[in-house]
């Protein structure tokens, strides 16, 4: 069965938070933050926004030119580690917003790998014949949980959402074909259990083991890409573009060095978005679609706290 991405759209909040904001909060200046992360600014959700509202806005931006009525979707999968509500999930709220009566609703969380996991859930439903048109929405409200005074991680986080519409039909002859998806749990390695955490009533988001995250992210994002490209008889060097998890520019630079690929072939937005969590690789793809040509092979790769990793191979 062939699966296609028929539409991708994203939403980022209007408020821009520059690095200079953190000087009086955690003592870090613009040069220090940028040199170590590649971040110049990030977007912050407004007082009337949350994980659900951002997800709905990402879907709103796609509805007018979808090749089929959104009401015909029969599966909605949400991805987030920073939910507004763990009961009425993003998936349920999108279903309600568009009155998608016949859709199954699922929410998944595997930290910053959640988006790729959600795509694999869709693949499974399609393979069993239980769904034919799906919506994957990934959304993070990181700033709701960020401790801005934390000099280790308080300055990293941005907010945003992405919506991806998937079916077995190639409507535009330019829709991205999903070639391969790989995910893997890595809770047994390194300092996975304590490296990154989000405890809403006990400190919010923290990253006390940043070096361990860095080393493992660099290794496993490359390994995940090698798996999906090998499944198609290709190598990483055959990729025209890579859109990785936007956690740190140094990680992206390290991956480029390991893979022997010029940094120009990486689709990035970290400089103006910060770390938007699990939607980050897909938001970056959505924001850089104008660079991609028919026939291009594009790899997405992610690494999440906990740990986990994943990758997806697309053919345009």
Protein backbone atom coordinates (compact mmCIF):
# COMPACT_ATOMS: atom_id res chain seq x y z
CA UNK A 1 0.00 0.00 0.00
CA UNK A 2 1.31 3.42 -0.96
CA UNK A 3 0.84 6.36 1.41
CA UNK A 4 1.06 10.01 0.46
CA UNK A 5 1.26 13.32 2.29
CA UNK A 6 -1.41 15.36 0.52
CA UNK A 7 -0.90 18.54 2.54
CA UNK A 8 1.30 19.92 5.31
CA UNK A 9 0.72 23.19 7.16
CA UNK A 10 2.11 24.81 10.27
CA UNK A 11 1.36 27.49 12.83
CA UNK A 12 3.71 29.50 15.04
CA UNK A 13 2.55 32.17 17.50
CA UNK A 14 3.03 35.86 16.78
CA UNK A 15 5.05 36.81 19.87
CA UNK A 16 8.81 36.83 19.26
CA UNK A 17 11.14 36.39 22.22
CA UNK A 18 14.75 37.46 21.39
CA UNK A 19 17.79 36.15 23.20
CA UNK A 20 18.23 39.55 24.87
CA UNK A 21 15.13 38.76 26.96
CA UNK A 22 17.09 36.18 28.98
CA UNK A 23 19.98 38.43 30.03
CA UNK A 24 18.21 39.65 33.16
CA UNK A 25 16.45 36.33 33.79
CA UNK A 26 19.12 33.63 33.64
CA UNK A 27 22.22 35.74 32.98
CA UNK A 28 22.84 34.48 29.43
CA UNK A 29 23.42 36.99 26.64
CA UNK A 30 22.65 36.77 22.94
CA UNK A 31 26.16 35.78 21.85
CA UNK A 32 26.41 32.97 24.43
CA UNK A 33 23.01 31.48 23.52
CA UNK A 34 23.50 31.75 19.76
CA UNK A 35 27.04 30.31 19.76
CA UNK A 36 25.93 27.22 21.70
CA UNK A 37 22.47 26.61 20.27
CA UNK A 38 22.06 28.47 16.98
CA UNK A 39 18.98 30.19 18.40
CA UNK A 40 18.44 33.94 17.96
CA UNK A 41 14.76 34.07 18.87
CA UNK A 42 11.76 31.84 19.51
CA UNK A 43 7.96 32.11 19.30
CA UNK A 44 5.80 32.13 22.42
CA UNK A 45 2.12 31.29 22.61
CA UNK A 46 -0.19 34.11 23.69
CA UNK A 47 -2.28 34.14 26.85
CA UNK A 48 -5.31 32.85 24.95
CA UNK A 49 -3.36 30.06 23.22
CA UNK A 50 -2.51 26.52 24.23
CA UNK A 51 -1.45 23.23 22.68
CA UNK A 52 -4.95 22.55 21.35
CA UNK A 53 -5.60 26.00 19.88
CA UNK A 54 -2.25 26.02 18.06
CA UNK A 55 -3.00 22.58 16.61
CA UNK A 56 -6.39 23.76 15.36
CA UNK A 57 -4.79 26.84 13.76
CA UNK A 58 -2.33 24.59 11.91
CA UNK A 59 -5.27 22.58 10.56
CA UNK A 60 -7.21 25.76 9.74
CA UNK A 61 -4.41 26.87 7.41
CA UNK A 62 -4.78 23.71 5.32
CA UNK A 63 -8.53 23.25 5.03
CA UNK A 64 -9.30 25.56 2.12
CA UNK A 65 -7.15 23.73 -0.41
CA UNK A 66 -7.33 20.15 0.78
CA UNK A 67 -8.03 17.79 -2.14
CA UNK A 68 -10.91 16.20 -0.20
CA UNK A 69 -13.39 17.31 2.48
CA UNK A 70 -11.77 17.19 5.91
CA UNK A 71 -14.90 15.45 7.20
CA UNK A 72 -13.91 12.34 5.24
CA UNK A 73 -10.86 11.74 7.47
CA UNK A 74 -11.29 8.54 9.45
CA UNK A 75 -8.24 8.80 11.73
CA UNK A 76 -6.78 11.67 13.75
CA UNK A 77 -3.50 11.13 15.58
CA UNK A 78 -2.13 13.76 17.94
CA UNK A 79 1.51 14.02 19.02
CA UNK A 80 2.68 16.04 22.03
CA UNK A 81 4.48 15.84 25.35
CA UNK A 82 3.05 19.19 26.56
CA UNK A 83 -0.72 18.66 26.38
CA UNK A 84 -3.25 21.25 27.41
CA UNK A 85 -5.55 18.42 28.48
CA UNK A 86 -4.70 14.73 28.66
CA UNK A 87 -8.38 13.73 28.43
CA UNK A 88 -9.86 15.88 25.64
CA UNK A 89 -6.73 15.57 23.52
CA UNK A 90 -5.63 17.53 20.46
CA UNK A 91 -7.15 14.80 18.30
CA UNK A 92 -10.54 15.10 19.98
CA UNK A 93 -10.55 18.90 19.74
CA UNK A 94 -9.72 18.83 16.03
CA UNK A 95 -12.48 16.29 15.53
CA UNK A 96 -14.90 18.57 17.36
CA UNK A 97 -13.79 21.71 15.52
CA UNK A 98 -14.53 20.15 12.12
CA UNK A 99 -17.25 17.70 13.17
CA UNK A 100 -15.36 14.72 11.77
CA UNK A 101 -17.89 12.13 12.88
CA UNK A 102 -16.27 8.90 11.72
CA UNK A 103 -12.70 9.44 12.87
CA UNK A 104 -10.80 7.42 15.42
CA UNK A 105 -8.84 9.68 17.80
CA UNK A 106 -5.46 8.72 19.25
CA UNK A 107 -2.80 10.66 21.15
CA UNK A 108 0.84 9.54 21.38
CA UNK A 109 3.83 10.78 23.34
CA UNK A 110 7.48 9.85 23.07
CA UNK A 111 9.01 13.25 23.77
CA UNK A 112 10.54 14.91 20.68
CA UNK A 113 10.10 11.70 18.66
CA UNK A 114 6.31 11.84 18.98
CA UNK A 115 5.60 13.15 15.47
CA UNK A 116 7.38 10.26 13.75
CA UNK A 117 5.68 7.81 16.10
CA UNK A 118 2.32 9.31 15.15
CA UNK A 119 3.14 8.83 11.47
CA UNK A 120 3.95 5.17 12.18
CA UNK A 121 0.62 4.75 13.98
CA UNK A 122 -1.09 5.96 10.81
CA UNK A 123 0.94 3.51 8.75
CA UNK A 124 -0.30 0.69 10.99
CA UNK A 125 -3.97 1.69 10.75
CA UNK A 126 -3.73 1.95 6.98
CA UNK A 127 -2.01 -1.45 6.72
CA UNK A 128 -4.89 -3.13 8.57
CA UNK A 129 -7.48 -1.39 6.43
CA UNK A 130 -8.98 0.45 9.41
CA UNK A 131 -8.25 3.93 8.03
CA UNK A 132 -7.81 5.52 4.61
CA UNK A 133 -7.47 9.26 5.27
CA UNK A 134 -5.66 10.55 8.32
CA UNK A 135 -4.65 13.77 10.01
CA UNK A 136 -1.52 13.89 12.14
CA UNK A 137 -1.22 16.97 14.34
CA UNK A 138 1.89 17.68 16.42
CA UNK A 139 1.82 20.62 18.80
CA UNK A 140 3.94 21.80 21.73
CA UNK A 141 3.37 24.57 24.26
CA UNK A 142 6.87 24.41 25.69
CA UNK A 143 6.81 27.89 27.20
CA UNK A 144 3.90 26.89 29.45
CA UNK A 145 6.27 24.56 31.27
CA UNK A 146 9.66 26.22 30.75
CA UNK A 147 11.57 27.57 33.74
CA UNK A 148 13.09 30.65 32.14
CA UNK A 149 15.50 31.15 35.04
CA UNK A 150 17.17 27.81 34.30
CA UNK A 151 20.55 28.57 32.62
CA UNK A 152 20.76 25.01 31.27
CA UNK A 153 17.54 24.93 29.25
CA UNK A 154 15.26 27.88 30.03
CA UNK A 155 16.20 29.71 26.83
CA UNK A 156 15.78 26.79 24.41
CA UNK A 157 12.05 26.48 24.04
CA UNK A 158 9.61 27.73 21.42
CA UNK A 159 5.97 26.94 20.66
CA UNK A 160 4.32 25.75 17.46
CA UNK A 161 2.22 23.16 15.67
CA UNK A 162 2.04 21.26 12.39
CA UNK A 163 -0.73 19.36 10.59
CA UNK A 164 -0.11 16.61 8.05
CA UNK A 165 -2.83 15.08 5.87
CA UNK A 166 -2.21 11.53 4.68
CA UNK A 167 -4.06 9.16 2.34
CA UNK A 168 -3.51 6.32 -0.10
CA UNK A 169 -4.17 8.72 -2.99
CA UNK A 170 -1.72 10.89 -4.92
CA UNK A 171 -3.93 13.86 -5.75
CA UNK A 172 -1.43 16.35 -7.12
CA UNK A 173 1.20 14.12 -8.75
CA UNK A 174 3.55 16.02 -6.48
CA UNK A 175 2.40 14.70 -3.14
CA UNK A 176 5.18 13.25 -1.02
CA UNK A 177 5.22 9.47 -1.05
CA UNK A 178 6.00 7.95 2.35
CA UNK A 179 8.71 5.40 1.58
CA UNK A 180 9.74 4.20 5.03
CA UNK A 181 9.24 4.95 8.73
CA UNK A 182 11.44 3.74 11.57
CA UNK A 183 11.07 4.32 15.32
CA UNK A 184 12.91 2.92 18.29
CA UNK A 185 12.68 3.18 22.06
CA UNK A 186 16.01 3.85 23.76
CA UNK A 187 15.11 3.98 27.43
CA UNK A 188 17.83 1.48 28.24
CA UNK A 189 20.81 3.60 27.14
CA UNK A 190 22.91 6.36 28.73
CA UNK A 191 21.20 8.66 31.21
CA UNK A 192 17.82 8.37 29.49
CA UNK A 193 15.77 8.22 32.68
CA UNK A 194 16.95 11.56 34.05
CA UNK A 195 18.41 13.45 31.06
CA UNK A 196 15.25 15.38 30.17
CA UNK A 197 12.02 15.72 32.13
CA UNK A 198 8.73 17.58 32.18
CA UNK A 199 7.01 17.56 35.58
CA UNK A 200 4.17 20.09 35.50
CA UNK A 201 3.93 20.51 39.29
CA UNK A 202 7.58 19.92 40.06
CA UNK A 203 9.92 22.17 38.11
CA UNK A 204 8.48 22.07 34.58
CA UNK A 205 10.90 21.23 31.75
CA UNK A 206 14.47 20.43 32.69
CA UNK A 207 17.52 19.06 30.87
CA UNK A 208 20.15 18.31 33.52
CA UNK A 209 22.12 15.90 31.31
CA UNK A 210 22.52 17.94 28.14
CA UNK A 211 25.82 16.35 27.12
CA UNK A 212 24.37 12.84 27.26
CA UNK A 213 21.41 14.03 25.15
CA UNK A 214 23.79 15.64 22.65
CA UNK A 215 25.98 12.57 22.16
CA UNK A 216 23.11 10.12 21.80
CA UNK A 217 21.06 12.43 19.56
CA UNK A 218 23.96 12.79 17.15
CA UNK A 219 24.46 9.03 16.98
CA UNK A 220 20.88 7.79 16.80
CA UNK A 221 19.50 10.39 14.40
CA UNK A 222 22.14 9.31 11.90
CA UNK A 223 21.48 5.63 12.58
CA UNK A 224 17.71 6.11 12.09
CA UNK A 225 18.33 7.82 8.75
CA UNK A 226 20.62 4.99 7.68
CA UNK A 227 17.83 2.50 8.37
CA UNK A 228 15.14 4.22 6.32
CA UNK A 229 17.43 4.96 3.40
CA UNK A 230 18.82 1.40 3.36
CA UNK A 231 15.28 0.03 3.22
CA UNK A 232 14.94 1.83 -0.12
CA UNK A 233 18.32 0.76 -1.45
CA UNK A 234 19.80 4.20 -0.80
CA UNK A 235 22.29 5.84 1.56
CA UNK A 236 22.15 9.07 3.52
CA UNK A 237 24.32 10.66 0.84
CA UNK A 238 21.49 10.09 -1.66
CA UNK A 239 19.19 12.44 0.27
CA UNK A 240 18.51 15.78 -1.36
CA UNK A 241 17.39 17.30 1.95
CA UNK A 242 17.23 16.40 5.62
CA UNK A 243 14.85 17.97 8.12
CA UNK A 244 15.95 16.95 11.58
CA UNK A 245 14.66 17.69 15.05
CA UNK A 246 15.49 21.35 15.64
CA UNK A 247 17.05 21.08 19.09
CA UNK A 248 20.50 22.58 18.63
CA UNK A 249 22.42 23.82 15.60
CA UNK A 250 25.53 22.05 16.86
CA UNK A 251 23.69 18.71 16.69
CA UNK A 252 22.68 19.44 13.10
CA UNK A 253 26.26 20.40 12.26
CA UNK A 254 27.54 17.20 13.86
CA UNK A 255 25.05 15.07 11.91
CA UNK A 256 26.13 16.76 8.68
CA UNK A 257 29.77 16.00 9.48
CA UNK A 258 29.07 12.35 10.35
CA UNK A 259 27.01 11.80 7.21
CA UNK A 260 29.36 13.73 4.94
CA UNK A 261 26.53 15.98 3.75
CA UNK A 262 26.81 19.77 3.30
CA UNK A 263 24.86 21.76 5.86
CA UNK A 264 23.07 23.47 2.96
CA UNK A 265 21.08 20.26 2.45
CA UNK A 266 19.58 20.53 5.94
CA UNK A 267 16.22 22.28 6.23
CA UNK A 268 16.39 24.38 9.38
CA UNK A 269 14.44 27.01 11.29
CA UNK A 270 16.01 26.80 14.75
CA UNK A 271 17.48 30.31 14.53
CA UNK A 272 14.04 31.96 14.66
CA UNK A 273 11.89 29.19 16.20
CA UNK A 274 13.97 27.66 18.98
CA UNK A 275 13.27 24.09 20.00
CA UNK A 276 9.59 23.51 19.18
CA UNK A 277 9.71 19.91 20.34
CA UNK A 278 8.12 17.07 18.40
CA UNK A 279 6.66 19.18 15.55
CA UNK A 280 10.02 20.82 14.87
CA UNK A 281 11.22 18.60 12.01
CA UNK A 282 7.83 18.87 10.28
CA UNK A 283 7.48 22.63 10.85
CA UNK A 284 10.92 23.05 9.30
CA UNK A 285 9.83 20.92 6.34
CA UNK A 286 6.63 22.95 5.93
CA UNK A 287 8.53 26.25 6.06
CA UNK A 288 11.05 25.09 3.43
CA UNK A 289 8.79 23.39 0.90
CA UNK A 290 9.73 25.96 -1.73
CA UNK A 291 13.23 24.44 -1.88
CA UNK A 292 12.02 20.93 -2.70
CA UNK A 293 11.63 19.80 -6.31
CA UNK A 294 9.81 16.88 -7.91
CA UNK A 295 11.88 13.74 -7.50
CA UNK A 296 13.71 14.92 -4.38
CA UNK A 297 14.39 12.41 -1.64
CA UNK A 298 13.86 13.92 1.82
CA UNK A 299 14.72 12.40 5.20
CA UNK A 300 13.26 13.44 8.55
CA UNK A 301 15.05 12.34 11.68
CA UNK A 302 14.34 12.88 15.38
CA UNK A 303 15.57 12.12 18.87
CA UNK A 304 13.53 12.38 22.04
CA UNK A 305 14.21 12.45 25.75
CA UNK A 306 13.41 9.26 27.51
CA UNK A 307 15.11 8.22 25.07
CA UNK A 308 13.72 7.44 21.60
CA UNK A 309 14.56 8.05 17.97
CA UNK A 310 12.91 7.84 14.59
CA UNK A 311 13.17 8.69 10.92
CA UNK A 312 10.98 8.92 7.86
CA UNK A 313 11.87 8.84 4.17
CA UNK A 314 9.82 10.83 1.65
CA UNK A 315 9.95 10.89 -2.15
CA UNK A 316 8.54 14.02 -3.83
